[in-house]
Amino acid sequence: MSDIFEYVPLDKIKVKKHSVRLHGIEQGIEDPAESTKANGLLQPIAAYYDSAKSTCL
């Protein structure tokens, strides 16, 4: 298996509903945002290509 890195336009990315925080987003979002600003993104964003829908998930 090889790793492939490529630019993906945001309009081609679909987020799975079960992957999204739906409750309490008003609370505690500042800490991760500040951490990302200070330290950068510590975990890469992973996606896979769905050729049937021509989108990344």
PDB file of N, CA and C in Angstrom:
ATOM      1  N   MET A   1       0.851  -1.172   0.000  1.00  0.00           N
ATOM      2  CA  MET A   1       0.000   0.000   0.000  1.00  0.00           C
ATOM      3  C   MET A   1       0.893   1.230   0.000  1.00  0.00           C
ATOM      4  N   SER A   2       0.553   2.197  -0.817  1.00  0.00           N
ATOM      5  CA  SER A   2       1.342   3.423  -0.875  1.00  0.00           C
ATOM      6  C   SER A   2       0.494   4.603  -0.414  1.00  0.00           C
ATOM      7  N   ASP A   3       1.171   5.584   0.125  1.00  0.00           N
ATOM      8  CA  ASP A   3       0.489   6.808   0.544  1.00  0.00           C
ATOM      9  C   ASP A   3       0.492   7.784  -0.617  1.00  0.00           C
ATOM     10  N   ILE A   4      -0.651   8.379  -0.864  1.00  0.00           N
ATOM     11  CA  ILE A   4      -0.768   9.371  -1.921  1.00  0.00           C
ATOM     12  C   ILE A   4      -1.273  10.656  -1.287  1.00  0.00           C
ATOM     13  N   PHE A   5      -0.563  11.739  -1.532  1.00  0.00           N
ATOM     14  CA  PHE A   5      -0.968  13.037  -1.022  1.00  0.00           C
ATOM     15  C   PHE A   5      -1.349  13.909  -2.200  1.00  0.00           C
ATOM     16  N   GLU A   6      -2.507  14.515  -2.122  1.00  0.00           N
ATOM     17  CA  GLU A   6      -2.923  15.407  -3.192  1.00  0.00           C
ATOM     18  C   GLU A   6      -3.891  16.455  -2.667  1.00  0.00           C
ATOM     19  N   TYR A   7      -3.976  17.561  -3.388  1.00  0.00           N
ATOM     20  CA  TYR A   7      -4.889  18.646  -3.054  1.00  0.00           C
ATOM     21  C   TYR A   7      -6.311  18.208  -3.386  1.00  0.00           C
ATOM     22  N   VAL A   8      -7.228  18.437  -2.462  1.00  0.00           N
ATOM     23  CA  VAL A   8      -8.639  18.117  -2.682  1.00  0.00           C
ATOM     24  C   VAL A   8      -9.445  19.383  -2.404  1.00  0.00           C
ATOM     25  N   PRO A   9     -10.193  19.883  -3.389  1.00  0.00           N
ATOM     26  CA  PRO A   9     -11.030  21.057  -3.144  1.00  0.00           C
ATOM     27  C   PRO A   9     -12.055  20.772  -2.043  1.00  0.00           C
ATOM     28  N   LEU A  10     -12.320  21.760  -1.211  1.00  0.00           N
ATOM     29  CA  LEU A  10     -13.238  21.570  -0.089  1.00  0.00           C
ATOM     30  C   LEU A  10     -14.627  21.129  -0.531  1.00  0.00           C
ATOM     31  N   ASP A  11     -15.074  21.569  -1.701  1.00  0.00           N
ATOM     32  CA  ASP A  11     -16.420  21.188  -2.143  1.00  0.00           C
ATOM     33  C   ASP A  11     -16.503  19.717  -2.562  1.00  0.00           C
ATOM     34  N   LYS A  12     -15.371  19.031  -2.622  1.00  0.00           N
ATOM     35  CA  LYS A  12     -15.354  17.606  -2.955  1.00  0.00           C
ATOM     36  C   LYS A  12     -15.287  16.723  -1.715  1.00  0.00           C
ATOM     37  N   ILE A  13     -15.219  17.336  -0.526  1.00  0.00           N
ATOM     38  CA  ILE A  13     -15.117  16.568   0.714  1.00  0.00           C
ATOM     39  C   ILE A  13     -16.484  16.493   1.372  1.00  0.00           C
ATOM     40  N   LYS A  14     -16.929  15.301   1.663  1.00  0.00           N
ATOM     41  CA  LYS A  14     -18.193  15.068   2.361  1.00  0.00           C
ATOM     42  C   LYS A  14     -17.876  14.454   3.715  1.00  0.00           C
ATOM     43  N   VAL A  15     -18.437  15.007   4.779  1.00  0.00           N
ATOM     44  CA  VAL A  15     -18.176  14.522   6.129  1.00  0.00           C
ATOM     45  C   VAL A  15     -19.287  13.564   6.531  1.00  0.00           C
ATOM     46  N   LYS A  16     -18.901  12.414   7.051  1.00  0.00           N
ATOM     47  CA  LYS A  16     -19.906  11.461   7.524  1.00  0.00           C
ATOM     48  C   LYS A  16     -20.611  12.030   8.743  1.00  0.00           C
ATOM     49  N   LYS A  17     -21.915  11.830   8.821  1.00  0.00           N
ATOM     50  CA  LYS A  17     -22.702  12.395   9.915  1.00  0.00           C
ATOM     51  C   LYS A  17     -22.245  11.907  11.276  1.00  0.00           C
ATOM     52  N   HIS A  18     -21.850  10.647  11.405  1.00  0.00           N
ATOM     53  CA  HIS A  18     -21.439  10.131  12.708  1.00  0.00           C
ATOM     54  C   HIS A  18     -20.054  10.629  13.125  1.00  0.00           C
ATOM     55  N   SER A  19     -19.350  11.315  12.218  1.00  0.00           N
ATOM     56  CA  SER A  19     -18.021  11.828  12.536  1.00  0.00           C
ATOM     57  C   SER A  19     -18.049  13.265  13.052  1.00  0.00           C
ATOM     58  N   VAL A  20     -19.203  13.859  13.049  1.00  0.00           N
ATOM     59  CA  VAL A  20     -19.317  15.275  13.393  1.00  0.00           C
ATOM     60  C   VAL A  20     -19.843  15.440  14.806  1.00  0.00           C
ATOM     61  N   ARG A  21     -19.227  16.347  15.550  1.00  0.00           N
ATOM     62  CA  ARG A  21     -19.730  16.667  16.889  1.00  0.00           C
ATOM     63  C   ARG A  21     -21.014  17.471  16.721  1.00  0.00           C
ATOM     64  N   LEU A  22     -22.109  16.964  17.283  1.00  0.00           N
ATOM     65  CA  LEU A  22     -23.402  17.622  17.137  1.00  0.00           C
ATOM     66  C   LEU A  22     -23.842  18.359  18.390  1.00  0.00           C
ATOM     67  N   HIS A  23     -23.274  18.021  19.536  1.00  0.00           N
ATOM     68  CA  HIS A  23     -23.691  18.632  20.790  1.00  0.00           C
ATOM     69  C   HIS A  23     -22.501  19.290  21.465  1.00  0.00           C
ATOM     70  N   GLY A  24     -22.751  20.427  22.096  1.00  0.00           N
ATOM     71  CA  GLY A  24     -21.715  21.088  22.869  1.00  0.00           C
ATOM     72  C   GLY A  24     -20.642  21.775  22.048  1.00  0.00           C
ATOM     73  N   ILE A  25     -20.950  22.104  20.792  1.00  0.00           N
ATOM     74  CA  ILE A  25     -19.914  22.745  19.986  1.00  0.00           C
ATOM     75  C   ILE A  25     -19.647  24.182  20.419  1.00  0.00           C
ATOM     76  N   GLU A  26     -20.584  24.765  21.161  1.00  0.00           N
ATOM     77  CA  GLU A  26     -20.352  26.112  21.671  1.00  0.00           C
ATOM     78  C   GLU A  26     -19.303  26.094  22.780  1.00  0.00           C
ATOM     79  N   GLN A  27     -19.183  24.978  23.460  1.00  0.00           N
ATOM     80  CA  GLN A  27     -18.260  24.849  24.585  1.00  0.00           C
ATOM     81  C   GLN A  27     -16.992  24.132  24.143  1.00  0.00           C
ATOM     82  N   GLY A  28     -15.880  24.672  24.516  1.00  0.00           N
ATOM     83  CA  GLY A  28     -14.624  23.960  24.336  1.00  0.00           C
ATOM     84  C   GLY A  28     -14.013  23.975  22.952  1.00  0.00           C
ATOM     85  N   ILE A  29     -14.593  24.671  21.996  1.00  0.00           N
ATOM     86  CA  ILE A  29     -13.991  24.687  20.661  1.00  0.00           C
ATOM     87  C   ILE A  29     -12.787  25.621  20.623  1.00  0.00           C
ATOM     88  N   GLU A  30     -12.727  26.569  21.544  1.00  0.00           N
ATOM     89  CA  GLU A  30     -11.617  27.512  21.546  1.00  0.00           C
ATOM     90  C   GLU A  30     -10.293  26.817  21.854  1.00  0.00           C
ATOM     91  N   ASP A  31     -10.300  25.863  22.788  1.00  0.00           N
ATOM     92  CA  ASP A  31      -9.061  25.183  23.161  1.00  0.00           C
ATOM     93  C   ASP A  31      -8.422  24.451  21.977  1.00  0.00           C
ATOM     94  N   PRO A  32      -9.167  23.612  21.249  1.00  0.00           N
ATOM     95  CA  PRO A  32      -8.542  22.955  20.089  1.00  0.00           C
ATOM     96  C   PRO A  32      -8.123  23.957  19.005  1.00  0.00           C
ATOM     97  N   ALA A  33      -8.905  25.012  18.819  1.00  0.00           N
ATOM     98  CA  ALA A  33      -8.556  26.010  17.805  1.00  0.00           C
ATOM     99  C   ALA A  33      -7.256  26.713  18.174  1.00  0.00           C
ATOM    100  N   GLU A  34      -7.116  27.094  19.438  1.00  0.00           N
ATOM    101  CA  GLU A  34      -5.887  27.747  19.893  1.00  0.00           C
ATOM    102  C   GLU A  34      -4.705  26.788  19.823  1.00  0.00           C
ATOM    103  N   SER A  35      -4.927  25.542  20.166  1.00  0.00           N
ATOM    104  CA  SER A  35      -3.864  24.542  20.097  1.00  0.00           C
ATOM    105  C   SER A  35      -3.380  24.358  18.660  1.00  0.00           C
ATOM    106  N   THR A  36      -4.316  24.319  17.719  1.00  0.00           N
ATOM    107  CA  THR A  36      -3.941  24.171  16.313  1.00  0.00           C
ATOM    108  C   THR A  36      -3.156  25.383  15.846  1.00  0.00           C
ATOM    109  N   LYS A  37      -3.584  26.580  16.264  1.00  0.00           N
ATOM    110  CA  LYS A  37      -2.843  27.790  15.893  1.00  0.00           C
ATOM    111  C   LYS A  37      -1.431  27.760  16.461  1.00  0.00           C
ATOM    112  N   ALA A  38      -1.294  27.321  17.706  1.00  0.00           N
ATOM    113  CA  ALA A  38       0.005  27.330  18.378  1.00  0.00           C
ATOM    114  C   ALA A  38       0.916  26.195  17.919  1.00  0.00           C
ATOM    115  N   ASN A  39       0.359  25.009  17.714  1.00  0.00           N
ATOM    116  CA  ASN A  39       1.173  23.819  17.460  1.00  0.00           C
ATOM    117  C   ASN A  39       1.071  23.260  16.051  1.00  0.00           C
ATOM    118  N   GLY A  40       0.106  23.729  15.299  1.00  0.00           N
ATOM    119  CA  GLY A  40      -0.140  23.149  13.991  1.00  0.00           C
ATOM    120  C   GLY A  40      -1.028  21.920  14.128  1.00  0.00           C
ATOM    121  N   LEU A  41      -1.346  21.323  13.024  1.00  0.00           N
ATOM    122  CA  LEU A  41      -2.189  20.130  13.011  1.00  0.00           C
ATOM    123  C   LEU A  41      -1.333  18.925  13.377  1.00  0.00           C
ATOM    124  N   LEU A  42      -1.643  18.282  14.498  1.00  0.00           N
ATOM    125  CA  LEU A  42      -0.815  17.188  15.000  1.00  0.00           C
ATOM    126  C   LEU A  42      -1.154  15.852  14.361  1.00  0.00           C
ATOM    127  N   GLN A  43      -2.378  15.677  13.924  1.00  0.00           N
ATOM    128  CA  GLN A  43      -2.804  14.451  13.254  1.00  0.00           C
ATOM    129  C   GLN A  43      -3.220  14.813  11.827  1.00  0.00           C
ATOM    130  N   PRO A  44      -2.780  14.064  10.841  1.00  0.00           N
ATOM    131  CA  PRO A  44      -3.194  14.378   9.474  1.00  0.00           C
ATOM    132  C   PRO A  44      -4.685  14.112   9.280  1.00  0.00           C
ATOM    133  N   ILE A  45      -5.262  14.833   8.366  1.00  0.00           N
ATOM    134  CA  ILE A  45      -6.659  14.604   8.011  1.00  0.00           C
ATOM    135  C   ILE A  45      -6.679  13.464   6.992  1.00  0.00           C
ATOM    136  N   ALA A  46      -7.413  12.415   7.300  1.00  0.00           N
ATOM    137  CA  ALA A  46      -7.467  11.246   6.421  1.00  0.00           C
ATOM    138  C   ALA A  46      -8.797  11.223   5.680  1.00  0.00           C
ATOM    139  N   ALA A  47      -8.738  10.847   4.420  1.00  0.00           N
ATOM    140  CA  ALA A  47      -9.945  10.746   3.606  1.00  0.00           C
ATOM    141  C   ALA A  47      -9.749   9.616   2.606  1.00  0.00           C
ATOM    142  N   TYR A  48     -10.846   9.148   2.060  1.00  0.00           N
ATOM    143  CA  TYR A  48     -10.729   8.184   0.973  1.00  0.00           C
ATOM    144  C   TYR A  48     -11.625   8.625  -0.166  1.00  0.00           C
ATOM    145  N   TYR A  49     -11.274   8.223  -1.364  1.00  0.00           N
ATOM    146  CA  TYR A  49     -11.985   8.632  -2.568  1.00  0.00           C
ATOM    147  C   TYR A  49     -13.095   7.647  -2.876  1.00  0.00           C
ATOM    148  N   ASP A  50     -14.287   8.158  -3.062  1.00  0.00           N
ATOM    149  CA  ASP A  50     -15.439   7.343  -3.448  1.00  0.00           C
ATOM    150  C   ASP A  50     -15.662   7.564  -4.940  1.00  0.00           C
ATOM    151  N   SER A  51     -15.171   6.662  -5.755  1.00  0.00           N
ATOM    152  CA  SER A  51     -15.237   6.848  -7.204  1.00  0.00           C
ATOM    153  C   SER A  51     -16.667   6.849  -7.730  1.00  0.00           C
ATOM    154  N   ALA A  52     -17.578   6.192  -7.035  1.00  0.00           N
ATOM    155  CA  ALA A  52     -18.975   6.175  -7.473  1.00  0.00           C
ATOM    156  C   ALA A  52     -19.609   7.554  -7.346  1.00  0.00           C
ATOM    157  N   LYS A  53     -19.151   8.330  -6.367  1.00  0.00           N
ATOM    158  CA  LYS A  53     -19.727   9.660  -6.136  1.00  0.00           C
ATOM    159  C   LYS A  53     -18.769  10.782  -6.503  1.00  0.00           C
ATOM    160  N   SER A  54     -17.559  10.453  -6.896  1.00  0.00           N
ATOM    161  CA  SER A  54     -16.516  11.433  -7.217  1.00  0.00           C
ATOM    162  C   SER A  54     -16.294  12.422  -6.083  1.00  0.00           C
ATOM    163  N   THR A  55     -16.303  11.915  -4.857  1.00  0.00           N
ATOM    164  CA  THR A  55     -16.059  12.762  -3.695  1.00  0.00           C
ATOM    165  C   THR A  55     -15.083  12.075  -2.754  1.00  0.00           C
ATOM    166  N   CYS A  56     -14.553  12.852  -1.842  1.00  0.00           N
ATOM    167  CA  CYS A  56     -13.704  12.310  -0.783  1.00  0.00           C
ATOM    168  C   CYS A  56     -14.508  12.275   0.493  1.00  0.00           C
ATOM    169  N   LEU A  57     -14.338  11.229   1.270  1.00  0.00           N
ATOM    170  CA  LEU A  57     -15.048  11.064   2.534  1.00  0.00           C
ATOM    171  C   LEU A  57     -14.055  11.014   3.666  1.00  0.00           C
TER     172      LEU A  57
END
